[in-house]
């Protein structure tokens, strides 16, 4: 939903513009995946910011749900996620341990 270029504010604006387009096309909820591809990702704090921006915008502007699939393999280590204790990250950590 973003090309990853520009400032974080530019990227969030791209996400919001694409959400507006999808909602205007008649979609009632949003399901997306995180990262650039299956094997590459931006900085964890940037990815969490995109996820939060997406979910917040859908909820606050349209009162609609967002589902985001985050691929995390067992061989990856993302130390910045420990610091970024948003509800989304706490949920991911709990699900990985159980």
Protein backbone atom coordinates (compact mmCIF):
# COMPACT_ATOMS: atom_id res chain seq x y z
CA UNK A 1 0.00 0.00 0.00
CA UNK A 2 3.11 2.16 0.07
CA UNK A 3 6.21 2.16 -2.08
CA UNK A 4 8.40 2.88 0.95
CA UNK A 5 9.87 6.08 -0.50
CA UNK A 6 9.80 9.52 1.10
CA UNK A 7 9.17 10.35 4.71
CA UNK A 8 7.00 8.29 7.02
CA UNK A 9 4.32 10.97 6.63
CA UNK A 10 4.48 10.52 2.82
CA UNK A 11 4.15 6.76 3.22
CA UNK A 12 1.17 7.09 5.58
CA UNK A 13 -0.49 9.46 3.09
CA UNK A 14 -0.05 6.82 0.35
CA UNK A 15 -1.63 4.21 2.62
CA UNK A 16 -4.57 6.51 3.40
CA UNK A 17 -5.10 7.36 -0.29
CA UNK A 18 -5.18 3.66 -1.19
CA UNK A 19 -7.57 2.89 1.65
CA UNK A 20 -9.88 5.69 0.45
CA UNK A 21 -9.80 4.20 -3.05
CA UNK A 22 -10.64 0.70 -1.77
CA UNK A 23 -13.49 1.91 0.43
CA UNK A 24 -14.90 4.01 -2.42
CA UNK A 25 -14.71 0.91 -4.63
CA UNK A 26 -17.08 -0.83 -2.18
CA UNK A 27 -14.82 -2.95 0.01
CA UNK A 28 -16.08 -3.37 3.59
CA UNK A 29 -12.89 -4.51 5.33
CA UNK A 30 -9.16 -4.59 4.60
CA UNK A 31 -6.84 -7.56 4.68
CA UNK A 32 -3.18 -7.00 3.83
CA UNK A 33 0.29 -8.36 4.51
CA UNK A 34 3.28 -6.64 6.06
CA UNK A 35 6.75 -6.11 4.63
CA UNK A 36 8.01 -5.58 1.10
CA UNK A 37 8.00 -9.25 0.07
CA UNK A 38 8.11 -12.66 1.67
CA UNK A 39 11.84 -12.33 2.31
CA UNK A 40 12.43 -8.58 2.79
CA UNK A 41 11.14 -6.01 5.22
CA UNK A 42 11.74 -2.42 6.25
CA UNK A 43 12.87 -1.45 9.73
CA UNK A 44 10.53 -2.97 12.33
CA UNK A 45 9.51 0.41 13.74
CA UNK A 46 8.51 1.54 10.23
CA UNK A 47 6.46 -1.62 9.66
CA UNK A 48 4.67 -1.18 13.00
CA UNK A 49 3.99 2.47 12.12
CA UNK A 50 2.43 1.38 8.80
CA UNK A 51 0.30 -1.24 10.56
CA UNK A 52 -0.88 1.24 13.17
CA UNK A 53 -1.57 3.92 10.55
CA UNK A 54 -3.58 1.45 8.46
CA UNK A 55 -5.68 0.11 11.33
CA UNK A 56 -6.21 3.55 12.91
CA UNK A 57 -7.29 5.14 9.62
CA UNK A 58 -9.76 2.35 8.78
CA UNK A 59 -11.23 2.44 12.29
CA UNK A 60 -11.29 6.20 12.78
CA UNK A 61 -12.43 7.31 9.32
CA UNK A 62 -14.59 4.38 8.19
CA UNK A 63 -15.32 2.36 11.38
CA UNK A 64 -14.11 -0.76 9.58
CA UNK A 65 -11.84 -3.66 10.49
CA UNK A 66 -8.31 -4.31 9.31
CA UNK A 67 -6.52 -7.67 9.21
CA UNK A 68 -2.74 -7.67 8.73
CA UNK A 69 -0.74 -10.86 8.24
CA UNK A 70 2.83 -10.56 9.54
CA UNK A 71 5.29 -13.21 8.37
CA UNK A 72 7.85 -14.01 11.05
CA UNK A 73 9.97 -17.10 10.63
CA UNK A 74 11.52 -18.91 13.56
CA UNK A 75 15.05 -18.04 12.41
CA UNK A 76 14.47 -14.25 12.40
CA UNK A 77 15.29 -11.96 15.29
CA UNK A 78 13.81 -8.48 15.51
CA UNK A 79 15.21 -6.81 18.63
CA UNK A 80 13.37 -3.55 17.98
CA UNK A 81 10.02 -5.34 18.32
CA UNK A 82 10.77 -5.90 21.99
CA UNK A 83 10.96 -2.12 22.41
CA UNK A 84 7.88 -1.47 20.25
CA UNK A 85 5.32 -2.86 22.70
CA UNK A 86 2.19 -1.91 20.81
CA UNK A 87 -0.86 -4.17 21.31
CA UNK A 88 -0.14 -5.70 17.88
CA UNK A 89 3.40 -6.72 18.83
CA UNK A 90 2.32 -8.07 22.20
CA UNK A 91 -0.25 -10.22 20.40
CA UNK A 92 2.35 -11.50 17.90
CA UNK A 93 4.77 -12.39 20.69
CA UNK A 94 2.11 -14.23 22.67
CA UNK A 95 0.97 -16.21 19.63
CA UNK A 96 4.54 -17.22 18.76
CA UNK A 97 5.17 -18.57 22.25
CA UNK A 98 1.99 -20.62 22.53
